[in-house]
Amino acid sequence: MRKWLIVPLALAGGFAFGLLLSELIGIAGYLLFGYKLGIRYLPIALGMVGVAGALVYTIRKKA
């Protein structure tokens, strides 16, 4: 049951970190090159990575 609580938290955390990282990349690109750089779908990808990492962690911790 605890696994199902961790999944949405990991998804939200990964998404938030992806937004933050995407904005930092955009700001750095604007300051260095004069236009916004970015990685499309970075927040979504990091959200999925967060869920996968949380599931692997809980499964290994249980075993």
PDB file of N, CA and C in Angstrom:
ATOM      1  N   MET A   1       0.817  -1.192   0.000  1.00  0.00           N
ATOM      2  CA  MET A   1       0.000   0.000   0.000  1.00  0.00           C
ATOM      3  C   MET A   1       0.868   1.267   0.000  1.00  0.00           C
ATOM      4  N   ARG A   2       2.007   1.197   0.665  1.00  0.00           N
ATOM      5  CA  ARG A   2       2.892   2.352   0.727  1.00  0.00           C
ATOM      6  C   ARG A   2       3.424   2.709  -0.653  1.00  0.00           C
ATOM      7  N   LYS A   3       3.572   1.710  -1.513  1.00  0.00           N
ATOM      8  CA  LYS A   3       4.077   1.939  -2.862  1.00  0.00           C
ATOM      9  C   LYS A   3       3.156   2.885  -3.635  1.00  0.00           C
ATOM     10  N   TRP A   4       1.861   2.776  -3.422  1.00  0.00           N
ATOM     11  CA  TRP A   4       0.921   3.611  -4.152  1.00  0.00           C
ATOM     12  C   TRP A   4       0.897   5.044  -3.634  1.00  0.00           C
ATOM     13  N   LEU A   5       1.411   5.265  -2.444  1.00  0.00           N
ATOM     14  CA  LEU A   5       1.564   6.627  -1.946  1.00  0.00           C
ATOM     15  C   LEU A   5       2.843   7.262  -2.500  1.00  0.00           C
ATOM     16  N   ILE A   6       3.854   6.454  -2.682  1.00  0.00           N
ATOM     17  CA  ILE A   6       5.135   6.965  -3.158  1.00  0.00           C
ATOM     18  C   ILE A   6       5.074   7.344  -4.639  1.00  0.00           C
ATOM     19  N   VAL A   7       4.292   6.629  -5.428  1.00  0.00           N
ATOM     20  CA  VAL A   7       4.251   6.873  -6.872  1.00  0.00           C
ATOM     21  C   VAL A   7       3.792   8.299  -7.214  1.00  0.00           C
ATOM     22  N   PRO A   8       2.643   8.783  -6.703  1.00  0.00           N
ATOM     23  CA  PRO A   8       2.278  10.163  -7.055  1.00  0.00           C
ATOM     24  C   PRO A   8       3.229  11.216  -6.486  1.00  0.00           C
ATOM     25  N   LEU A   9       3.805  10.934  -5.322  1.00  0.00           N
ATOM     26  CA  LEU A   9       4.772  11.875  -4.758  1.00  0.00           C
ATOM     27  C   LEU A   9       6.033  11.945  -5.620  1.00  0.00           C
ATOM     28  N   ALA A  10       6.503  10.805  -6.086  1.00  0.00           N
ATOM     29  CA  ALA A  10       7.677  10.782  -6.956  1.00  0.00           C
ATOM     30  C   ALA A  10       7.371  11.447  -8.296  1.00  0.00           C
ATOM     31  N   LEU A  11       6.173  11.238  -8.806  1.00  0.00           N
ATOM     32  CA  LEU A  11       5.776  11.873 -10.066  1.00  0.00           C
ATOM     33  C   LEU A  11       5.748  13.390  -9.917  1.00  0.00           C
ATOM     34  N   ALA A  12       5.157  13.872  -8.843  1.00  0.00           N
ATOM     35  CA  ALA A  12       5.080  15.313  -8.615  1.00  0.00           C
ATOM     36  C   ALA A  12       6.470  15.903  -8.369  1.00  0.00           C
ATOM     37  N   GLY A  13       7.282  15.210  -7.596  1.00  0.00           N
ATOM     38  CA  GLY A  13       8.633  15.700  -7.329  1.00  0.00           C
ATOM     39  C   GLY A  13       9.494  15.748  -8.580  1.00  0.00           C
ATOM     40  N   GLY A  14       9.423  14.699  -9.381  1.00  0.00           N
ATOM     41  CA  GLY A  14      10.182  14.675 -10.633  1.00  0.00           C
ATOM     42  C   GLY A  14       9.714  15.744 -11.606  1.00  0.00           C
ATOM     43  N   PHE A  15       8.406  15.955 -11.661  1.00  0.00           N
ATOM     44  CA  PHE A  15       7.857  16.983 -12.539  1.00  0.00           C
ATOM     45  C   PHE A  15       8.310  18.372 -12.098  1.00  0.00           C
ATOM     46  N   ALA A  16       8.259  18.621 -10.788  1.00  0.00           N
ATOM     47  CA  ALA A  16       8.684  19.919 -10.259  1.00  0.00           C
ATOM     48  C   ALA A  16      10.178  20.144 -10.516  1.00  0.00           C
ATOM     49  N   PHE A  17      10.989  19.121 -10.299  1.00  0.00           N
ATOM     50  CA  PHE A  17      12.425  19.242 -10.571  1.00  0.00           C
ATOM     51  C   PHE A  17      12.675  19.472 -12.058  1.00  0.00           C
ATOM     52  N   GLY A  18      11.890  18.821 -12.912  1.00  0.00           N
ATOM     53  CA  GLY A  18      12.027  19.024 -14.355  1.00  0.00           C
ATOM     54  C   GLY A  18      11.676  20.446 -14.770  1.00  0.00           C
ATOM     55  N   LEU A  19      10.625  21.009 -14.164  1.00  0.00           N
ATOM     56  CA  LEU A  19      10.280  22.400 -14.450  1.00  0.00           C
ATOM     57  C   LEU A  19      11.398  23.346 -14.028  1.00  0.00           C
ATOM     58  N   LEU A  20      11.912  23.119 -12.834  1.00  0.00           N
ATOM     59  CA  LEU A  20      12.992  23.952 -12.325  1.00  0.00           C
ATOM     60  C   LEU A  20      14.227  23.862 -13.222  1.00  0.00           C
ATOM     61  N   LEU A  21      14.608  22.657 -13.575  1.00  0.00           N
ATOM     62  CA  LEU A  21      15.782  22.463 -14.422  1.00  0.00           C
ATOM     63  C   LEU A  21      15.572  23.058 -15.812  1.00  0.00           C
ATOM     64  N   SER A  22      14.377  22.916 -16.352  1.00  0.00           N
ATOM     65  CA  SER A  22      14.068  23.474 -17.659  1.00  0.00           C
ATOM     66  C   SER A  22      14.172  24.996 -17.647  1.00  0.00           C
ATOM     67  N   GLU A  23      13.669  25.612 -16.594  1.00  0.00           N
ATOM     68  CA  GLU A  23      13.759  27.070 -16.494  1.00  0.00           C
ATOM     69  C   GLU A  23      15.202  27.532 -16.308  1.00  0.00           C
ATOM     70  N   LEU A  24      15.976  26.803 -15.521  1.00  0.00           N
ATOM     71  CA  LEU A  24      17.381  27.163 -15.341  1.00  0.00           C
ATOM     72  C   LEU A  24      18.154  27.057 -16.650  1.00  0.00           C
ATOM     73  N   ILE A  25      17.866  26.029 -17.430  1.00  0.00           N
ATOM     74  CA  ILE A  25      18.509  25.881 -18.742  1.00  0.00           C
ATOM     75  C   ILE A  25      18.099  27.031 -19.653  1.00  0.00           C
ATOM     76  N   GLY A  26      16.825  27.400 -19.613  1.00  0.00           N
ATOM     77  CA  GLY A  26      16.342  28.513 -20.427  1.00  0.00           C
ATOM     78  C   GLY A  26      16.995  29.830 -20.047  1.00  0.00           C
ATOM     79  N   ILE A  27      17.119  30.100 -18.760  1.00  0.00           N
ATOM     80  CA  ILE A  27      17.742  31.341 -18.295  1.00  0.00           C
ATOM     81  C   ILE A  27      19.222  31.375 -18.670  1.00  0.00           C
ATOM     82  N   ALA A  28      19.914  30.266 -18.447  1.00  0.00           N
ATOM     83  CA  ALA A  28      21.333  30.208 -18.793  1.00  0.00           C
ATOM     84  C   ALA A  28      21.533  30.381 -20.297  1.00  0.00           C
ATOM     85  N   GLY A  29      20.685  29.766 -21.082  1.00  0.00           N
ATOM     86  CA  GLY A  29      20.791  29.922 -22.533  1.00  0.00           C
ATOM     87  C   GLY A  29      20.538  31.346 -22.983  1.00  0.00           C
ATOM     88  N   TYR A  30      19.569  31.995 -22.340  1.00  0.00           N
ATOM     89  CA  TYR A  30      19.280  33.385 -22.703  1.00  0.00           C
ATOM     90  C   TYR A  30      20.442  34.309 -22.327  1.00  0.00           C
ATOM     91  N   LEU A  31      21.010  34.065 -21.153  1.00  0.00           N
ATOM     92  CA  LEU A  31      22.119  34.912 -20.723  1.00  0.00           C
ATOM     93  C   LEU A  31      23.373  34.683 -21.560  1.00  0.00           C
ATOM     94  N   LEU A  32      23.617  33.454 -21.963  1.00  0.00           N
ATOM     95  CA  LEU A  32      24.839  33.144 -22.706  1.00  0.00           C
ATOM     96  C   LEU A  32      24.717  33.390 -24.209  1.00  0.00           C
ATOM     97  N   PHE A  33      23.553  33.036 -24.790  1.00  0.00           N
ATOM     98  CA  PHE A  33      23.427  33.058 -26.251  1.00  0.00           C
ATOM     99  C   PHE A  33      22.397  34.053 -26.779  1.00  0.00           C
ATOM    100  N   GLY A  34      21.593  34.634 -25.891  1.00  0.00           N
ATOM    101  CA  GLY A  34      20.616  35.623 -26.341  1.00  0.00           C
ATOM    102  C   GLY A  34      19.268  35.054 -26.732  1.00  0.00           C
ATOM    103  N   TYR A  35      19.064  33.763 -26.654  1.00  0.00           N
ATOM    104  CA  TYR A  35      17.754  33.162 -26.903  1.00  0.00           C
ATOM    105  C   TYR A  35      17.554  31.983 -25.964  1.00  0.00           C
ATOM    106  N   LYS A  36      16.306  31.654 -25.768  1.00  0.00           N
ATOM    107  CA  LYS A  36      15.976  30.626 -24.788  1.00  0.00           C
ATOM    108  C   LYS A  36      16.299  29.231 -25.328  1.00  0.00           C
ATOM    109  N   LEU A  37      17.051  28.500 -24.555  1.00  0.00           N
ATOM    110  CA  LEU A  37      17.303  27.100 -24.858  1.00  0.00           C
ATOM    111  C   LEU A  37      16.369  26.265 -23.999  1.00  0.00           C
ATOM    112  N   GLY A  38      16.209  25.034 -24.351  1.00  0.00           N
ATOM    113  CA  GLY A  38      15.384  24.172 -23.523  1.00  0.00           C
ATOM    114  C   GLY A  38      15.327  22.764 -24.077  1.00  0.00           C
ATOM    115  N   ILE A  39      14.873  21.874 -23.231  1.00  0.00           N
ATOM    116  CA  ILE A  39      14.679  20.480 -23.622  1.00  0.00           C
ATOM    117  C   ILE A  39      13.186  20.204 -23.529  1.00  0.00           C
ATOM    118  N   ARG A  40      12.589  19.914 -24.648  1.00  0.00           N
ATOM    119  CA  ARG A  40      11.157  19.681 -24.685  1.00  0.00           C
ATOM    120  C   ARG A  40      10.802  18.424 -23.888  1.00  0.00           C
ATOM    121  N   TYR A  41       9.726  18.504 -23.141  1.00  0.00           N
ATOM    122  CA  TYR A  41       9.188  17.398 -22.334  1.00  0.00           C
ATOM    123  C   TYR A  41      10.114  16.954 -21.199  1.00  0.00           C
ATOM    124  N   LEU A  42      11.037  17.794 -20.793  1.00  0.00           N
ATOM    125  CA  LEU A  42      11.934  17.447 -19.690  1.00  0.00           C
ATOM    126  C   LEU A  42      11.169  17.185 -18.386  1.00  0.00           C
ATOM    127  N   PRO A  43      10.178  18.005 -18.012  1.00  0.00           N
ATOM    128  CA  PRO A  43       9.451  17.727 -16.768  1.00  0.00           C
ATOM    129  C   PRO A  43       8.720  16.389 -16.788  1.00  0.00           C
ATOM    130  N   ILE A  44       8.154  16.052 -17.921  1.00  0.00           N
ATOM    131  CA  ILE A  44       7.432  14.776 -18.029  1.00  0.00           C
ATOM    132  C   ILE A  44       8.404  13.609 -17.930  1.00  0.00           C
ATOM    133  N   ALA A  45       9.529  13.727 -18.613  1.00  0.00           N
ATOM    134  CA  ALA A  45      10.527  12.656 -18.577  1.00  0.00           C
ATOM    135  C   ALA A  45      11.087  12.473 -17.170  1.00  0.00           C
ATOM    136  N   LEU A  46      11.390  13.568 -16.483  1.00  0.00           N
ATOM    137  CA  LEU A  46      11.927  13.442 -15.132  1.00  0.00           C
ATOM    138  C   LEU A  46      10.875  12.940 -14.145  1.00  0.00           C
ATOM    139  N   GLY A  47       9.620  13.242 -14.402  1.00  0.00           N
ATOM    140  CA  GLY A  47       8.556  12.667 -13.588  1.00  0.00           C
ATOM    141  C   GLY A  47       8.511  11.150 -13.720  1.00  0.00           C
ATOM    142  N   MET A  48       8.643  10.657 -14.947  1.00  0.00           N
ATOM    143  CA  MET A  48       8.659   9.209 -15.163  1.00  0.00           C
ATOM    144  C   MET A  48       9.904   8.564 -14.556  1.00  0.00           C
ATOM    145  N   VAL A  49      11.034   9.248 -14.665  1.00  0.00           N
ATOM    146  CA  VAL A  49      12.264   8.730 -14.062  1.00  0.00           C
ATOM    147  C   VAL A  49      12.126   8.672 -12.546  1.00  0.00           C
ATOM    148  N   GLY A  50      11.481   9.677 -11.975  1.00  0.00           N
ATOM    149  CA  GLY A  50      11.243   9.681 -10.526  1.00  0.00           C
ATOM    150  C   GLY A  50      10.374   8.526 -10.078  1.00  0.00           C
ATOM    151  N   VAL A  51       9.321   8.234 -10.827  1.00  0.00           N
ATOM    152  CA  VAL A  51       8.450   7.101 -10.493  1.00  0.00           C
ATOM    153  C   VAL A  51       9.203   5.787 -10.619  1.00  0.00           C
ATOM    154  N   ALA A  52       9.957   5.630 -11.704  1.00  0.00           N
ATOM    155  CA  ALA A  52      10.717   4.394 -11.897  1.00  0.00           C
ATOM    156  C   ALA A  52      11.741   4.212 -10.778  1.00  0.00           C
ATOM    157  N   GLY A  53      12.434   5.273 -10.431  1.00  0.00           N
ATOM    158  CA  GLY A  53      13.412   5.187  -9.352  1.00  0.00           C
ATOM    159  C   GLY A  53      12.773   4.868  -8.011  1.00  0.00           C
ATOM    160  N   ALA A  54      11.612   5.454  -7.742  1.00  0.00           N
ATOM    161  CA  ALA A  54      10.921   5.184  -6.480  1.00  0.00           C
ATOM    162  C   ALA A  54      10.450   3.733  -6.418  1.00  0.00           C
ATOM    163  N   LEU A  55       9.945   3.219  -7.531  1.00  0.00           N
ATOM    164  CA  LEU A  55       9.496   1.823  -7.546  1.00  0.00           C
ATOM    165  C   LEU A  55      10.661   0.858  -7.375  1.00  0.00           C
ATOM    166  N   VAL A  56      11.763   1.127  -8.040  1.00  0.00           N
ATOM    167  CA  VAL A  56      12.942   0.272  -7.893  1.00  0.00           C
ATOM    168  C   VAL A  56      13.437   0.318  -6.455  1.00  0.00           C
ATOM    169  N   TYR A  57      13.450   1.505  -5.879  1.00  0.00           N
ATOM    170  CA  TYR A  57      13.912   1.650  -4.490  1.00  0.00           C
ATOM    171  C   TYR A  57      13.017   0.882  -3.525  1.00  0.00           C
ATOM    172  N   THR A  58      11.711   0.990  -3.680  1.00  0.00           N
ATOM    173  CA  THR A  58      10.806   0.302  -2.739  1.00  0.00           C
ATOM    174  C   THR A  58      10.865  -1.213  -2.929  1.00  0.00           C
ATOM    175  N   ILE A  59      11.022  -1.668  -4.172  1.00  0.00           N
ATOM    176  CA  ILE A  59      11.087  -3.119  -4.410  1.00  0.00           C
ATOM    177  C   ILE A  59      12.388  -3.683  -3.836  1.00  0.00           C
ATOM    178  N   ARG A  60      13.505  -2.996  -4.028  1.00  0.00           N
ATOM    179  CA  ARG A  60      14.789  -3.483  -3.487  1.00  0.00           C
ATOM    180  C   ARG A  60      14.826  -3.390  -1.979  1.00  0.00           C
ATOM    181  N   LYS A  61      14.191  -2.382  -1.421  1.00  0.00           N
ATOM    182  CA  LYS A  61      14.163  -2.237   0.023  1.00  0.00           C
ATOM    183  C   LYS A  61      13.349  -3.346   0.662  1.00  0.00           C
ATOM    184  N   LYS A  62      12.314  -3.783  -0.038  1.00  0.00           N
ATOM    185  CA  LYS A  62      11.445  -4.851   0.473  1.00  0.00           C
ATOM    186  C   LYS A  62      12.129  -6.204   0.429  1.00  0.00           C
ATOM    187  N   ALA A  63      12.963  -6.439  -0.573  1.00  0.00           N
ATOM    188  CA  ALA A  63      13.608  -7.750  -0.751  1.00  0.00           C
ATOM    189  C   ALA A  63      14.796  -7.964   0.131  1.00  0.00           C
TER     190      ALA A  63
END
